[in-house]
PDB file of all heavy atoms in Angstrom:
ATOM      1  N   MET A   1      92.610  19.893 108.410  1.00  0.00           N
ATOM      2  CA  MET A   1      93.236  21.246 108.191  1.00  0.00           C
ATOM      3  C   MET A   1      92.586  21.955 106.993  1.00  0.00           C
ATOM      4  O   MET A   1      92.364  21.337 105.977  1.00  0.00           O
ATOM      5  CB  MET A   1      94.739  21.178 107.878  1.00  0.00           C
ATOM      6  CG  MET A   1      95.449  22.513 107.655  1.00  0.00           C
ATOM      7  SD  MET A   1      95.426  23.591 109.158  1.00  0.00           S
ATOM      8  CE  MET A   1      96.653  22.710 110.243  1.00  0.00           C
ATOM      9  N   ALA A   2      92.245  23.251 107.281  1.00  0.00           N
ATOM     10  CA  ALA A   2      91.571  23.986 106.193  1.00  0.00           C
ATOM     11  C   ALA A   2      91.932  25.360 106.194  1.00  0.00           C
ATOM     12  O   ALA A   2      92.287  25.944 107.205  1.00  0.00           O
ATOM     13  CB  ALA A   2      89.979  23.823 106.275  1.00  0.00           C
ATOM     14  N   ALA A   3      91.868  26.057 104.983  1.00  0.00           N
ATOM     15  CA  ALA A   3      91.978  27.425 104.845  1.00  0.00           C
ATOM     16  C   ALA A   3      90.564  28.027 105.140  1.00  0.00           C
ATOM     17  O   ALA A   3      89.677  27.688 104.422  1.00  0.00           O
ATOM     18  CB  ALA A   3      92.450  27.847 103.568  1.00  0.00           C
ATOM     19  N   TRP A   4      90.402  28.874 106.165  1.00  0.00           N
ATOM     20  CA  TRP A   4      89.085  29.318 106.476  1.00  0.00           C
ATOM     21  C   TRP A   4      89.025  30.834 106.384  1.00  0.00           C
ATOM     22  O   TRP A   4      89.969  31.515 106.461  1.00  0.00           O
ATOM     23  CB  TRP A   4      88.519  28.815 107.842  1.00  0.00           C
ATOM     24  CG  TRP A   4      89.486  29.225 109.060  1.00  0.00           C
ATOM     25  CD1 TRP A   4      90.433  28.436 109.607  1.00  0.00           C
ATOM     26  CD2 TRP A   4      89.526  30.513 109.647  1.00  0.00           C
ATOM     27  NE1 TRP A   4      91.061  29.052 110.580  1.00  0.00           N
ATOM     28  CE2 TRP A   4      90.534  30.405 110.682  1.00  0.00           C
ATOM     29  CE3 TRP A   4      88.918  31.686 109.494  1.00  0.00           C
ATOM     30  CZ2 TRP A   4      90.887  31.415 111.542  1.00  0.00           C
ATOM     31  CZ3 TRP A   4      89.188  32.800 110.302  1.00  0.00           C
ATOM     32  CH2 TRP A   4      90.213  32.590 111.324  1.00  0.00           C
ATOM     33  N   ARG A   5      87.727  31.344 106.245  1.00  0.00           N
ATOM     34  CA  ARG A   5      87.537  32.717 106.154  1.00  0.00           C
ATOM     35  C   ARG A   5      86.314  33.137 106.923  1.00  0.00           C
ATOM     36  O   ARG A   5      85.267  32.399 106.921  1.00  0.00           O
ATOM     37  CB  ARG A   5      87.288  33.127 104.710  1.00  0.00           C
ATOM     38  CG  ARG A   5      88.564  32.781 103.759  1.00  0.00           C
ATOM     39  CD  ARG A   5      88.228  33.018 102.284  1.00  0.00           C
ATOM     40  NE  ARG A   5      89.307  32.703 101.470  1.00  0.00           N
ATOM     41  CZ  ARG A   5      89.380  31.668 100.614  1.00  0.00           C
ATOM     42  NH1 ARG A   5      88.296  30.845 100.488  1.00  0.00           N
ATOM     43  NH2 ARG A   5      90.404  31.460  99.862  1.00  0.00           N
ATOM     44  N   GLY A   6      86.341  34.317 107.602  1.00  0.00           N
ATOM     45  CA  GLY A   6      85.285  34.713 108.406  1.00  0.00           C
ATOM     46  C   GLY A   6      85.182  36.228 108.454  1.00  0.00           C
ATOM     47  O   GLY A   6      86.217  36.875 108.356  1.00  0.00           O
ATOM     48  N   ILE A   7      84.012  36.778 108.777  1.00  0.00           N
ATOM     49  CA  ILE A   7      83.904  38.207 108.915  1.00  0.00           C
ATOM     50  C   ILE A   7      84.037  38.594 110.429  1.00  0.00           C
ATOM     51  O   ILE A   7      83.334  38.087 111.299  1.00  0.00           O
ATOM     52  CB  ILE A   7      82.525  38.657 108.421  1.00  0.00           C
ATOM     53  CG1 ILE A   7      82.252  38.233 106.981  1.00  0.00           C
ATOM     54  CG2 ILE A   7      82.329  40.177 108.595  1.00  0.00           C
ATOM     55  CD1 ILE A   7      83.331  38.842 105.998  1.00  0.00           C
ATOM     56  N   VAL A   8      84.797  39.580 110.624  1.00  0.00           N
ATOM     57  CA  VAL A   8      85.098  40.070 111.989  1.00  0.00           C
ATOM     58  C   VAL A   8      85.046  41.631 111.991  1.00  0.00           C
ATOM     59  O   VAL A   8      85.016  42.294 110.980  1.00  0.00           O
ATOM     60  CB  VAL A   8      86.512  39.699 112.543  1.00  0.00           C
ATOM     61  CG1 VAL A   8      86.617  38.107 112.536  1.00  0.00           C
ATOM     62  CG2 VAL A   8      87.643  40.256 111.611  1.00  0.00           C
ATOM     63  N   ALA A   9      85.040  42.264 113.160  1.00  0.00           N
ATOM     64  CA  ALA A   9      85.031  43.679 113.332  1.00  0.00           C
ATOM     65  C   ALA A   9      86.051  43.997 114.349  1.00  0.00           C
ATOM     66  O   ALA A   9      86.497  43.132 115.079  1.00  0.00           O
ATOM     67  CB  ALA A   9      83.656  44.152 113.677  1.00  0.00           C
ATOM     68  N   PRO A  10      86.429  45.305 114.517  1.00  0.00           N
ATOM     69  CA  PRO A  10      87.330  45.696 115.593  1.00  0.00           C
ATOM     70  C   PRO A  10      86.718  45.214 116.939  1.00  0.00           C
ATOM     71  O   PRO A  10      85.469  45.129 117.083  1.00  0.00           O
ATOM     72  CB  PRO A  10      87.387  47.151 115.418  1.00  0.00           C
ATOM     73  CG  PRO A  10      87.069  47.461 114.027  1.00  0.00           C
ATOM     74  CD  PRO A  10      86.106  46.420 113.623  1.00  0.00           C
ATOM     75  N   LYS A  11      87.486  45.126 117.931  1.00  0.00           N
ATOM     76  CA  LYS A  11      86.988  44.805 119.290  1.00  0.00           C
ATOM     77  C   LYS A  11      86.157  45.930 119.862  1.00  0.00           C
ATOM     78  O   LYS A  11      86.471  47.085 119.661  1.00  0.00           O
ATOM     79  CB  LYS A  11      88.253  44.600 120.176  1.00  0.00           C
ATOM     80  CG  LYS A  11      88.017  43.814 121.438  1.00  0.00           C
ATOM     81  CD  LYS A  11      88.120  42.411 121.242  1.00  0.00           C
ATOM     82  CE  LYS A  11      88.007  41.663 122.608  1.00  0.00           C
ATOM     83  NZ  LYS A  11      87.935  40.197 122.338  1.00  0.00           N
ATOM     84  N   GLY A  12      85.089  45.595 120.409  1.00  0.00           N
ATOM     85  CA  GLY A  12      84.220  46.547 121.162  1.00  0.00           C
ATOM     86  C   GLY A  12      83.226  47.298 120.292  1.00  0.00           C
ATOM     87  O   GLY A  12      82.871  48.414 120.739  1.00  0.00           O
ATOM     88  N   ILE A  13      82.817  46.784 119.204  1.00  0.00           N
ATOM     89  CA  ILE A  13      81.747  47.584 118.379  1.00  0.00           C
ATOM     90  C   ILE A  13      80.404  47.554 119.175  1.00  0.00           C
ATOM     91  O   ILE A  13      80.221  46.628 119.967  1.00  0.00           O
ATOM     92  CB  ILE A  13      81.618  46.941 117.003  1.00  0.00           C
ATOM     93  CG1 ILE A  13      80.972  45.564 117.029  1.00  0.00           C
ATOM     94  CG2 ILE A  13      82.938  46.956 116.198  1.00  0.00           C
ATOM     95  CD1 ILE A  13      80.568  45.065 115.601  1.00  0.00           C
ATOM     96  N   PRO A  14      79.494  48.449 118.843  1.00  0.00           N
ATOM     97  CA  PRO A  14      78.225  48.548 119.579  1.00  0.00           C
ATOM     98  C   PRO A  14      77.474  47.174 119.381  1.00  0.00           C
ATOM     99  O   PRO A  14      77.541  46.589 118.389  1.00  0.00           O
ATOM    100  CB  PRO A  14      77.527  49.657 118.887  1.00  0.00           C
ATOM    101  CG  PRO A  14      78.611  50.567 118.406  1.00  0.00           C
ATOM    102  CD  PRO A  14      79.692  49.598 117.953  1.00  0.00           C
ATOM    103  N   ALA A  15      76.743  46.790 120.436  1.00  0.00           N
ATOM    104  CA  ALA A  15      75.934  45.580 120.410  1.00  0.00           C
ATOM    105  C   ALA A  15      75.010  45.626 119.221  1.00  0.00           C
ATOM    106  O   ALA A  15      74.741  44.567 118.653  1.00  0.00           O
ATOM    107  CB  ALA A  15      75.256  45.394 121.701  1.00  0.00           C
ATOM    108  N   GLU A  16      74.391  46.746 118.999  1.00  0.00           N
ATOM    109  CA  GLU A  16      73.398  46.830 117.897  1.00  0.00           C
ATOM    110  C   GLU A  16      74.055  46.427 116.514  1.00  0.00           C
ATOM    111  O   GLU A  16      73.414  45.729 115.762  1.00  0.00           O
ATOM    112  CB  GLU A  16      72.785  48.274 117.787  1.00  0.00           C
ATOM    113  CG  GLU A  16      71.738  48.438 116.711  1.00  0.00           C
ATOM    114  CD  GLU A  16      71.395  49.876 116.488  1.00  0.00           C
ATOM    115  OE1 GLU A  16      72.010  50.793 117.115  1.00  0.00           O
ATOM    116  OE2 GLU A  16      70.409  50.107 115.704  1.00  0.00           O
ATOM    117  N   ALA A  17      75.241  46.993 116.315  1.00  0.00           N
ATOM    118  CA  ALA A  17      75.947  46.756 115.021  1.00  0.00           C
ATOM    119  C   ALA A  17      76.302  45.285 114.968  1.00  0.00           C
ATOM    120  O   ALA A  17      76.168  44.573 113.992  1.00  0.00           O
ATOM    121  CB  ALA A  17      77.186  47.617 114.950  1.00  0.00           C
ATOM    122  N   ARG A  18      76.920  44.719 115.988  1.00  0.00           N
ATOM    123  CA  ARG A  18      77.307  43.342 116.132  1.00  0.00           C
ATOM    124  C   ARG A  18      76.163  42.395 115.823  1.00  0.00           C
ATOM    125  O   ARG A  18      76.257  41.495 114.973  1.00  0.00           O
ATOM    126  CB  ARG A  18      77.846  43.048 117.524  1.00  0.00           C
ATOM    127  CG  ARG A  18      78.371  41.603 117.691  1.00  0.00           C
ATOM    128  CD  ARG A  18      78.495  41.219 119.196  1.00  0.00           C
ATOM    129  NE  ARG A  18      77.100  41.338 119.772  1.00  0.00           N
ATOM    130  CZ  ARG A  18      76.943  41.728 121.078  1.00  0.00           C
ATOM    131  NH1 ARG A  18      78.039  42.029 121.837  1.00  0.00           N
ATOM    132  NH2 ARG A  18      75.746  41.733 121.616  1.00  0.00           N
ATOM    133  N   ASP A  19      74.997  42.659 116.511  1.00  0.00           N
ATOM    134  CA  ASP A  19      73.835  41.800 116.345  1.00  0.00           C
ATOM    135  C   ASP A  19      73.239  41.812 114.933  1.00  0.00           C
ATOM    136  O   ASP A  19      72.816  40.792 114.355  1.00  0.00           O
ATOM    137  CB  ASP A  19      72.723  42.064 117.371  1.00  0.00           C
ATOM    138  CG  ASP A  19      73.213  41.857 118.831  1.00  0.00           C
ATOM    139  OD1 ASP A  19      74.264  41.138 118.888  1.00  0.00           O
ATOM    140  OD2 ASP A  19      72.578  42.339 119.717  1.00  0.00           O
ATOM    141  N   LYS A  20      73.177  43.116 114.368  1.00  0.00           N
ATOM    142  CA  LYS A  20      72.646  43.250 113.077  1.00  0.00           C
ATOM    143  C   LYS A  20      73.500  42.537 112.043  1.00  0.00           C
ATOM    144  O   LYS A  20      73.044  41.834 111.086  1.00  0.00           O
ATOM    145  CB  LYS A  20      72.386  44.703 112.709  1.00  0.00           C
ATOM    146  CG  LYS A  20      71.659  44.851 111.376  1.00  0.00           C
ATOM    147  CD  LYS A  20      70.884  46.185 111.369  1.00  0.00           C
ATOM    148  CE  LYS A  20      69.892  46.289 110.206  1.00  0.00           C
ATOM    149  NZ  LYS A  20      69.118  47.464 110.231  1.00  0.00           N
ATOM    150  N   LEU A  21      74.856  42.749 112.041  1.00  0.00           N
ATOM    151  CA  LEU A  21      75.762  42.179 111.172  1.00  0.00           C
ATOM    152  C   LEU A  21      75.770  40.666 111.222  1.00  0.00           C
ATOM    153  O   LEU A  21      75.751  39.958 110.249  1.00  0.00           O
ATOM    154  CB  LEU A  21      77.151  42.673 111.356  1.00  0.00           C
ATOM    155  CG  LEU A  21      77.331  44.187 110.962  1.00  0.00           C
ATOM    156  CD1 LEU A  21      78.684  44.696 111.464  1.00  0.00           C
ATOM    157  CD2 LEU A  21      77.261  44.288 109.442  1.00  0.00           C
ATOM    158  N   SER A  22      75.760  40.089 112.481  1.00  0.00           N
ATOM    159  CA  SER A  22      75.894  38.627 112.631  1.00  0.00           C
ATOM    160  C   SER A  22      74.610  37.998 112.148  1.00  0.00           C
ATOM    161  O   SER A  22      74.583  36.909 111.591  1.00  0.00           O
ATOM    162  CB  SER A  22      76.220  38.296 114.002  1.00  0.00           C
ATOM    163  OG  SER A  22      75.233  38.836 114.948  1.00  0.00           O
ATOM    164  N   THR A  23      73.455  38.705 112.398  1.00  0.00           N
ATOM    165  CA  THR A  23      72.128  38.059 111.944  1.00  0.00           C
ATOM    166  C   THR A  23      72.084  38.173 110.446  1.00  0.00           C
ATOM    167  O   THR A  23      71.631  37.133 109.806  1.00  0.00           O
ATOM    168  CB  THR A  23      70.933  38.977 112.483  1.00  0.00           C
ATOM    169  OG1 THR A  23      71.044  38.822 113.948  1.00  0.00           O
ATOM    170  CG2 THR A  23      69.647  38.447 111.974  1.00  0.00           C
ATOM    171  N   ALA A  24      72.570  39.162 109.801  1.00  0.00           N
ATOM    172  CA  ALA A  24      72.669  39.254 108.296  1.00  0.00           C
ATOM    173  C   ALA A  24      73.514  38.154 107.661  1.00  0.00           C
ATOM    174  O   ALA A  24      73.243  37.497 106.774  1.00  0.00           O
ATOM    175  CB  ALA A  24      73.142  40.632 107.937  1.00  0.00           C
ATOM    176  N   LEU A  25      74.693  37.929 108.328  1.00  0.00           N
ATOM    177  CA  LEU A  25      75.608  36.928 107.809  1.00  0.00           C
ATOM    178  C   LEU A  25      75.058  35.467 107.948  1.00  0.00           C
ATOM    179  O   LEU A  25      75.354  34.693 107.102  1.00  0.00           O
ATOM    180  CB  LEU A  25      76.938  37.028 108.617  1.00  0.00           C
ATOM    181  CG  LEU A  25      77.841  38.185 108.308  1.00  0.00           C
ATOM    182  CD1 LEU A  25      79.011  38.334 109.295  1.00  0.00           C
ATOM    183  CD2 LEU A  25      78.352  38.133 106.873  1.00  0.00           C
ATOM    184  N   LYS A  26      74.345  35.273 108.997  1.00  0.00           N
ATOM    185  CA  LYS A  26      73.746  33.967 109.160  1.00  0.00           C
ATOM    186  C   LYS A  26      72.683  33.700 108.024  1.00  0.00           C
ATOM    187  O   LYS A  26      72.696  32.629 107.485  1.00  0.00           O
ATOM    188  CB  LYS A  26      73.006  33.801 110.521  1.00  0.00           C
ATOM    189  CG  LYS A  26      72.329  32.464 110.787  1.00  0.00           C
ATOM    190  CD  LYS A  26      71.763  32.409 112.158  1.00  0.00           C
ATOM    191  CE  LYS A  26      71.088  30.979 112.374  1.00  0.00           C
ATOM    192  NZ  LYS A  26      70.485  30.917 113.744  1.00  0.00           N
ATOM    193  N   LYS A  27      71.970  34.795 107.715  1.00  0.00           N
ATOM    194  CA  LYS A  27      70.953  34.628 106.588  1.00  0.00           C
ATOM    195  C   LYS A  27      71.603  34.504 105.327  1.00  0.00           C
ATOM    196  O   LYS A  27      71.289  33.682 104.449  1.00  0.00           O
ATOM    197  CB  LYS A  27      70.143  35.962 106.639  1.00  0.00           C
ATOM    198  CG  LYS A  27      68.942  35.751 105.653  1.00  0.00           C
ATOM    199  CD  LYS A  27      68.033  37.072 105.756  1.00  0.00           C
ATOM    200  CE  LYS A  27      66.886  37.005 104.817  1.00  0.00           C
ATOM    201  NZ  LYS A  27      66.057  38.210 104.952  1.00  0.00           N
ATOM    202  N   ILE A  28      72.817  35.215 105.085  1.00  0.00           N
ATOM    203  CA  ILE A  28      73.470  35.113 103.811  1.00  0.00           C
ATOM    204  C   ILE A  28      74.068  33.701 103.673  1.00  0.00           C
ATOM    205  O   ILE A  28      73.992  33.118 102.514  1.00  0.00           O
ATOM    206  CB  ILE A  28      74.633  36.167 103.825  1.00  0.00           C
ATOM    207  CG1 ILE A  28      74.117  37.554 103.688  1.00  0.00           C
ATOM    208  CG2 ILE A  28      75.726  35.863 102.751  1.00  0.00           C
ATOM    209  CD1 ILE A  28      75.070  38.707 103.962  1.00  0.00           C
ATOM    210  N   ALA A  29      74.670  33.219 104.710  1.00  0.00           N
ATOM    211  CA  ALA A  29      75.289  31.842 104.551  1.00  0.00           C
ATOM    212  C   ALA A  29      74.274  30.763 104.240  1.00  0.00           C
ATOM    213  O   ALA A  29      74.572  29.717 103.645  1.00  0.00           O
ATOM    214  CB  ALA A  29      75.948  31.487 105.900  1.00  0.00           C
ATOM    215  N   ALA A  30      72.992  30.910 104.515  1.00  0.00           N
ATOM    216  CA  ALA A  30      71.958  30.009 104.193  1.00  0.00           C
ATOM    217  C   ALA A  30      71.267  30.314 102.868  1.00  0.00           C
ATOM    218  O   ALA A  30      70.365  29.568 102.395  1.00  0.00           O
ATOM    219  CB  ALA A  30      70.910  30.002 105.376  1.00  0.00           C
ATOM    220  N   SER A  31      71.610  31.476 102.261  1.00  0.00           N
ATOM    221  CA  SER A  31      70.930  31.914 101.061  1.00  0.00           C
ATOM    222  C   SER A  31      71.222  31.075  99.774  1.00  0.00           C
ATOM    223  O   SER A  31      72.355  30.539  99.657  1.00  0.00           O
ATOM    224  CB  SER A  31      71.099  33.321 100.824  1.00  0.00           C
ATOM    225  OG  SER A  31      72.532  33.518 100.378  1.00  0.00           O
TER     226      SER A  31
END
């Protein structure tokens, strides 16, 4: 059991925004 946190957006955001944000977050998590 853990308290977790993650970044989300409203349902149905444009694919361009979703992909850019998720790619950036992956890079941040590894930084």
